[in-house]
Every structure is written in structure tokens, then in C-alpha cells.
Amino acid sequence: MDIRDYARDIILIIILVIATFVLVTRLWFDSTIALGATLMMLSLGGLLLSQSIRIRSLERSIQVRDKAIRVNLEEISANMVQKYDASAARLDNVVNEFGKRIYR
């Protein structure tokens, strides 16, 4: 995990926590409520960050699988072309043999 990828999310979480703390202390002047609301916003921000990390890791794994599937399809396509060419060559040989036998 690279911190630079998630710097924007972390900054937004910090702003969310500070704004919650300031808002609650201004409205109720109770430190317990302000601390509870701040921790609640911090856990919500952490949850959102955690989900963002999971989504990005899923995107990476999907890209890796997509690349692997494409490589496999290309290999299968190349093998099918080789088999088709070999079958066509065998069929040409059989037709030539029949042609030689008929004209003898």
C-alpha cells in the first residue's frame, strides 16, 4: 500500500474528524459527547478508507486476471490455428493420394 495513493482520503478523514469535534463542542459544550462523536467520525472515516483499499485491491486482481485470460486466449488461438493448418495439410495429402490412385 502506497500512502500517496490514499493521501486524499486520509486528509478528508482528518477534516471530517476536526469538523465533527468543532461542531459538537460548539453546540453542546460537553467533552464526552464531543469525544464520542469524534471517535464515531474517525471510525466511519476508517471504514470508508478500508473499503477504498479493498476496492482498489479487487480492481488490481481483476486486471491481473484479465491479462492472464487474454494471454491464455491468445495461446489457445495460436494453437487452434496450428491445428487447423495441420488438419488442412493432412486433408490436402489425402486428396492428393486419392487423386494419384484414381489416375493410375
N, C-alpha and C. Protein backbone atom coordinates (compact mmCIF):
# COMPACT_ATOMS: atom_id res chain seq x y z
N MET A 1 0.85 -1.18 0.00
CA MET A 1 0.00 0.00 0.00
C MET A 1 0.89 1.23 0.00
N ASP A 2 0.64 2.11 -0.92
CA ASP A 2 1.39 3.35 -1.01
C ASP A 2 0.55 4.46 -0.39
N ILE A 3 1.12 5.17 0.56
CA ILE A 3 0.40 6.23 1.27
C ILE A 3 -0.04 7.33 0.31
N ARG A 4 0.76 7.59 -0.71
CA ARG A 4 0.40 8.66 -1.66
C ARG A 4 -0.91 8.38 -2.37
N ASP A 5 -1.22 7.08 -2.57
CA ASP A 5 -2.49 6.73 -3.22
C ASP A 5 -3.69 7.11 -2.35
N TYR A 6 -3.50 7.07 -1.05
CA TYR A 6 -4.61 7.30 -0.12
C TYR A 6 -4.49 8.62 0.63
N ALA A 7 -3.58 9.48 0.22
CA ALA A 7 -3.36 10.75 0.93
C ALA A 7 -4.62 11.61 0.90
N ARG A 8 -5.29 11.68 -0.22
CA ARG A 8 -6.51 12.49 -0.32
C ARG A 8 -7.58 11.98 0.63
N ASP A 9 -7.75 10.65 0.70
CA ASP A 9 -8.74 10.08 1.61
C ASP A 9 -8.39 10.35 3.07
N ILE A 10 -7.12 10.24 3.40
CA ILE A 10 -6.69 10.49 4.78
C ILE A 10 -6.90 11.95 5.16
N ILE A 11 -6.60 12.86 4.26
CA ILE A 11 -6.82 14.29 4.53
C ILE A 11 -8.29 14.57 4.74
N LEU A 12 -9.14 13.97 3.92
CA LEU A 12 -10.58 14.17 4.08
C LEU A 12 -11.09 13.59 5.40
N ILE A 13 -10.53 12.49 5.83
CA ILE A 13 -10.92 11.91 7.12
C ILE A 13 -10.51 12.83 8.26
N ILE A 14 -9.31 13.39 8.18
CA ILE A 14 -8.85 14.32 9.21
C ILE A 14 -9.75 15.55 9.27
N ILE A 15 -10.11 16.08 8.12
CA ILE A 15 -11.02 17.24 8.08
C ILE A 15 -12.37 16.87 8.66
N LEU A 16 -12.87 15.67 8.35
CA LEU A 16 -14.16 15.21 8.89
C LEU A 16 -14.11 15.13 10.41
N VAL A 17 -13.05 14.59 10.94
CA VAL A 17 -12.93 14.44 12.40
C VAL A 17 -12.82 15.80 13.08
N ILE A 18 -12.02 16.69 12.54
CA ILE A 18 -11.87 18.03 13.13
C ILE A 18 -13.19 18.80 13.07
N ALA A 19 -13.86 18.73 11.92
CA ALA A 19 -15.14 19.44 11.78
C ALA A 19 -16.18 18.89 12.76
N THR A 20 -16.20 17.59 12.93
CA THR A 20 -17.14 16.99 13.88
C THR A 20 -16.84 17.43 15.30
N PHE A 21 -15.57 17.42 15.66
CA PHE A 21 -15.18 17.82 17.01
C PHE A 21 -15.55 19.28 17.27
N VAL A 22 -15.26 20.16 16.32
CA VAL A 22 -15.57 21.58 16.49
C VAL A 22 -17.08 21.80 16.56
N LEU A 23 -17.82 21.15 15.69
CA LEU A 23 -19.28 21.32 15.67
C LEU A 23 -19.91 20.86 16.97
N VAL A 24 -19.52 19.70 17.45
CA VAL A 24 -20.14 19.17 18.66
C VAL A 24 -19.75 19.98 19.89
N THR A 25 -18.50 20.43 19.97
CA THR A 25 -18.11 21.23 21.14
C THR A 25 -18.81 22.59 21.13
N ARG A 26 -19.07 23.13 19.96
CA ARG A 26 -19.77 24.42 19.89
C ARG A 26 -21.24 24.28 20.25
N LEU A 27 -21.85 23.16 19.90
CA LEU A 27 -23.29 23.00 20.14
C LEU A 27 -23.59 22.62 21.59
N TRP A 28 -22.86 21.65 22.16
CA TRP A 28 -23.25 21.14 23.46
C TRP A 28 -22.27 21.43 24.58
N PHE A 29 -21.08 21.84 24.31
CA PHE A 29 -20.06 22.15 25.31
C PHE A 29 -19.79 20.98 26.25
N ASP A 30 -19.99 19.80 25.79
CA ASP A 30 -19.75 18.61 26.61
C ASP A 30 -18.62 17.81 25.98
N SER A 31 -17.57 17.59 26.75
CA SER A 31 -16.40 16.91 26.18
C SER A 31 -16.66 15.43 25.90
N THR A 32 -17.51 14.80 26.68
CA THR A 32 -17.82 13.39 26.47
C THR A 32 -18.54 13.19 25.14
N ILE A 33 -19.52 14.03 24.90
CA ILE A 33 -20.25 13.94 23.63
C ILE A 33 -19.34 14.29 22.47
N ALA A 34 -18.51 15.31 22.63
CA ALA A 34 -17.59 15.70 21.56
C ALA A 34 -16.59 14.58 21.27
N LEU A 35 -16.05 13.96 22.31
CA LEU A 35 -15.12 12.87 22.11
C LEU A 35 -15.79 11.67 21.46
N GLY A 36 -16.99 11.35 21.89
CA GLY A 36 -17.73 10.23 21.30
C GLY A 36 -18.04 10.46 19.83
N ALA A 37 -18.50 11.66 19.50
CA ALA A 37 -18.81 11.98 18.10
C ALA A 37 -17.54 11.98 17.26
N THR A 38 -16.45 12.47 17.82
CA THR A 38 -15.17 12.47 17.09
C THR A 38 -14.71 11.05 16.82
N LEU A 39 -14.78 10.19 17.81
CA LEU A 39 -14.40 8.79 17.61
C LEU A 39 -15.32 8.10 16.61
N MET A 40 -16.60 8.45 16.65
CA MET A 40 -17.54 7.87 15.70
C MET A 40 -17.19 8.29 14.27
N MET A 41 -16.86 9.55 14.07
CA MET A 41 -16.48 10.02 12.73
C MET A 41 -15.14 9.43 12.30
N LEU A 42 -14.24 9.24 13.26
CA LEU A 42 -12.95 8.63 12.95
C LEU A 42 -13.14 7.17 12.52
N SER A 43 -14.00 6.46 13.21
CA SER A 43 -14.26 5.07 12.81
C SER A 43 -14.99 4.99 11.48
N LEU A 44 -15.89 5.93 11.21
CA LEU A 44 -16.57 5.97 9.92
C LEU A 44 -15.57 6.26 8.80
N GLY A 45 -14.68 7.20 9.03
CA GLY A 45 -13.64 7.50 8.04
C GLY A 45 -12.72 6.31 7.82
N GLY A 46 -12.35 5.63 8.90
CA GLY A 46 -11.52 4.43 8.76
C GLY A 46 -12.22 3.34 7.99
N LEU A 47 -13.52 3.20 8.21
CA LEU A 47 -14.29 2.21 7.48
C LEU A 47 -14.31 2.53 5.98
N LEU A 48 -14.52 3.80 5.66
CA LEU A 48 -14.53 4.21 4.26
C LEU A 48 -13.15 4.00 3.62
N LEU A 49 -12.10 4.31 4.36
CA LEU A 49 -10.74 4.09 3.85
C LEU A 49 -10.47 2.61 3.65
N SER A 50 -10.91 1.79 4.58
CA SER A 50 -10.74 0.35 4.46
C SER A 50 -11.45 -0.19 3.23
N GLN A 51 -12.67 0.29 3.00
CA GLN A 51 -13.41 -0.16 1.82
C GLN A 51 -12.74 0.31 0.53
N SER A 52 -12.19 1.49 0.55
CA SER A 52 -11.47 2.01 -0.62
C SER A 52 -10.25 1.14 -0.92
N ILE A 53 -9.53 0.74 0.11
CA ILE A 53 -8.36 -0.13 -0.07
C ILE A 53 -8.79 -1.47 -0.65
N ARG A 54 -9.87 -2.04 -0.14
CA ARG A 54 -10.35 -3.32 -0.64
C ARG A 54 -10.79 -3.22 -2.10
N ILE A 55 -11.48 -2.16 -2.44
CA ILE A 55 -11.93 -1.98 -3.82
C ILE A 55 -10.74 -1.85 -4.76
N ARG A 56 -9.74 -1.11 -4.37
CA ARG A 56 -8.55 -0.96 -5.22
C ARG A 56 -7.81 -2.28 -5.37
N SER A 57 -7.73 -3.07 -4.31
CA SER A 57 -7.06 -4.37 -4.43
C SER A 57 -7.86 -5.31 -5.32
N LEU A 58 -9.19 -5.23 -5.25
CA LEU A 58 -10.02 -6.03 -6.14
C LEU A 58 -9.84 -5.61 -7.60
N GLU A 59 -9.74 -4.31 -7.82
CA GLU A 59 -9.50 -3.82 -9.18
C GLU A 59 -8.19 -4.34 -9.72
N ARG A 60 -7.15 -4.32 -8.89
CA ARG A 60 -5.84 -4.83 -9.33
C ARG A 60 -5.91 -6.31 -9.65
N SER A 61 -6.58 -7.09 -8.80
CA SER A 61 -6.66 -8.52 -9.05
C SER A 61 -7.48 -8.82 -10.30
N ILE A 62 -8.51 -8.02 -10.55
CA ILE A 62 -9.31 -8.20 -11.77
C ILE A 62 -8.46 -7.88 -12.99
N GLN A 63 -7.64 -6.85 -12.92
CA GLN A 63 -6.77 -6.51 -14.04
C GLN A 63 -5.76 -7.62 -14.31
N VAL A 64 -5.21 -8.20 -13.24
CA VAL A 64 -4.24 -9.29 -13.41
C VAL A 64 -4.92 -10.50 -14.04
N ARG A 65 -6.10 -10.83 -13.57
CA ARG A 65 -6.84 -11.97 -14.13
C ARG A 65 -7.23 -11.72 -15.58
N ASP A 66 -7.63 -10.49 -15.88
CA ASP A 66 -7.99 -10.14 -17.25
C ASP A 66 -6.80 -10.31 -18.18
N LYS A 67 -5.64 -9.87 -17.73
CA LYS A 67 -4.42 -10.00 -18.53
C LYS A 67 -4.08 -11.48 -18.73
N ALA A 68 -4.19 -12.28 -17.68
CA ALA A 68 -3.90 -13.71 -17.78
C ALA A 68 -4.86 -14.39 -18.74
N ILE A 69 -6.13 -14.03 -18.68
CA ILE A 69 -7.12 -14.63 -19.58
C ILE A 69 -6.82 -14.25 -21.02
N ARG A 70 -6.44 -13.00 -21.26
CA ARG A 70 -6.11 -12.58 -22.62
C ARG A 70 -4.91 -13.35 -23.17
N VAL A 71 -3.89 -13.52 -22.33
CA VAL A 71 -2.71 -14.27 -22.76
C VAL A 71 -3.10 -15.71 -23.08
N ASN A 72 -3.91 -16.31 -22.22
CA ASN A 72 -4.35 -17.69 -22.45
C ASN A 72 -5.18 -17.79 -23.73
N LEU A 73 -6.05 -16.83 -23.98
CA LEU A 73 -6.85 -16.85 -25.20
C LEU A 73 -5.97 -16.71 -26.44
N GLU A 74 -4.94 -15.90 -26.36
CA GLU A 74 -4.02 -15.76 -27.49
C GLU A 74 -3.28 -17.07 -27.74
N GLU A 75 -2.85 -17.74 -26.68
CA GLU A 75 -2.17 -19.02 -26.83
C GLU A 75 -3.11 -20.07 -27.41
N ILE A 76 -4.34 -20.10 -26.93
CA ILE A 76 -5.32 -21.04 -27.46
C ILE A 76 -5.59 -20.75 -28.92
N SER A 77 -5.71 -19.48 -29.27
CA SER A 77 -5.94 -19.11 -30.66
C SER A 77 -4.78 -19.55 -31.55
N ALA A 78 -3.56 -19.35 -31.08
CA ALA A 78 -2.39 -19.78 -31.86
C ALA A 78 -2.38 -21.30 -32.02
N ASN A 79 -2.70 -22.03 -30.95
CA ASN A 79 -2.76 -23.49 -31.03
C ASN A 79 -3.85 -23.95 -32.00
N MET A 80 -4.98 -23.30 -31.97
CA MET A 80 -6.08 -23.66 -32.88
C MET A 80 -5.69 -23.41 -34.33
N VAL A 81 -4.97 -22.33 -34.59
CA VAL A 81 -4.51 -22.04 -35.95
C VAL A 81 -3.54 -23.12 -36.41
N GLN A 82 -2.63 -23.52 -35.54
CA GLN A 82 -1.68 -24.58 -35.88
C GLN A 82 -2.40 -25.90 -36.17
N LYS A 83 -3.38 -26.24 -35.33
CA LYS A 83 -4.14 -27.47 -35.54
C LYS A 83 -4.94 -27.41 -36.83
N TYR A 84 -5.51 -26.27 -37.12
CA TYR A 84 -6.27 -26.10 -38.36
C TYR A 84 -5.35 -26.26 -39.57
N ASP A 85 -4.19 -25.63 -39.51
CA ASP A 85 -3.23 -25.75 -40.61
C ASP A 85 -2.77 -27.20 -40.79
N ALA A 86 -2.51 -27.89 -39.68
CA ALA A 86 -2.10 -29.29 -39.76
C ALA A 86 -3.21 -30.14 -40.34
N SER A 87 -4.44 -29.91 -39.94
CA SER A 87 -5.57 -30.67 -40.47
C SER A 87 -5.76 -30.39 -41.95
N ALA A 88 -5.62 -29.14 -42.34
CA ALA A 88 -5.75 -28.80 -43.75
C ALA A 88 -4.65 -29.45 -44.57
N ALA A 89 -3.43 -29.50 -44.05
CA ALA A 89 -2.32 -30.15 -44.76
C ALA A 89 -2.58 -31.65 -44.89
N ARG A 90 -3.07 -32.29 -43.83
CA ARG A 90 -3.40 -33.72 -43.90
C ARG A 90 -4.50 -33.98 -44.91
N LEU A 91 -5.50 -33.12 -44.93
CA LEU A 91 -6.59 -33.27 -45.88
C LEU A 91 -6.09 -33.11 -47.31
N ASP A 92 -5.19 -32.16 -47.53
CA ASP A 92 -4.59 -31.99 -48.86
C ASP A 92 -3.81 -33.23 -49.27
N ASN A 93 -3.07 -33.81 -48.34
CA ASN A 93 -2.31 -35.04 -48.63
C ASN A 93 -3.25 -36.18 -48.99
N VAL A 94 -4.33 -36.32 -48.24
CA VAL A 94 -5.30 -37.39 -48.53
C VAL A 94 -5.92 -37.18 -49.90
N VAL A 95 -6.31 -35.96 -50.23
CA VAL A 95 -6.91 -35.67 -51.53
C VAL A 95 -5.90 -35.95 -52.64
N ASN A 96 -4.65 -35.57 -52.45
CA ASN A 96 -3.61 -35.85 -53.45
C ASN A 96 -3.40 -37.35 -53.63
N GLU A 97 -3.41 -38.11 -52.53
CA GLU A 97 -3.26 -39.57 -52.62
C GLU A 97 -4.42 -40.18 -53.39
N PHE A 98 -5.65 -39.73 -53.12
CA PHE A 98 -6.80 -40.24 -53.86
C PHE A 98 -6.69 -39.89 -55.34
N GLY A 99 -6.23 -38.67 -55.58
CA GLY A 99 -6.07 -38.26 -56.99
C GLY A 99 -5.04 -39.13 -57.71
N LYS A 100 -3.94 -39.46 -57.04
CA LYS A 100 -2.91 -40.30 -57.65
C LYS A 100 -3.44 -41.72 -57.89
N ARG A 101 -4.21 -42.25 -56.94
CA ARG A 101 -4.72 -43.61 -57.06
C ARG A 101 -5.78 -43.71 -58.17
N ILE A 102 -6.57 -42.65 -58.30
CA ILE A 102 -7.63 -42.69 -59.33
C ILE A 102 -7.01 -42.66 -60.71
N TYR A 103 -5.97 -41.90 -60.94
CA TYR A 103 -5.38 -41.76 -62.27
C TYR A 103 -4.43 -42.89 -62.63
N ARG A 104 -4.10 -43.80 -61.71
CA ARG A 104 -3.24 -44.93 -62.00
C ARG A 104 -3.97 -46.00 -62.67
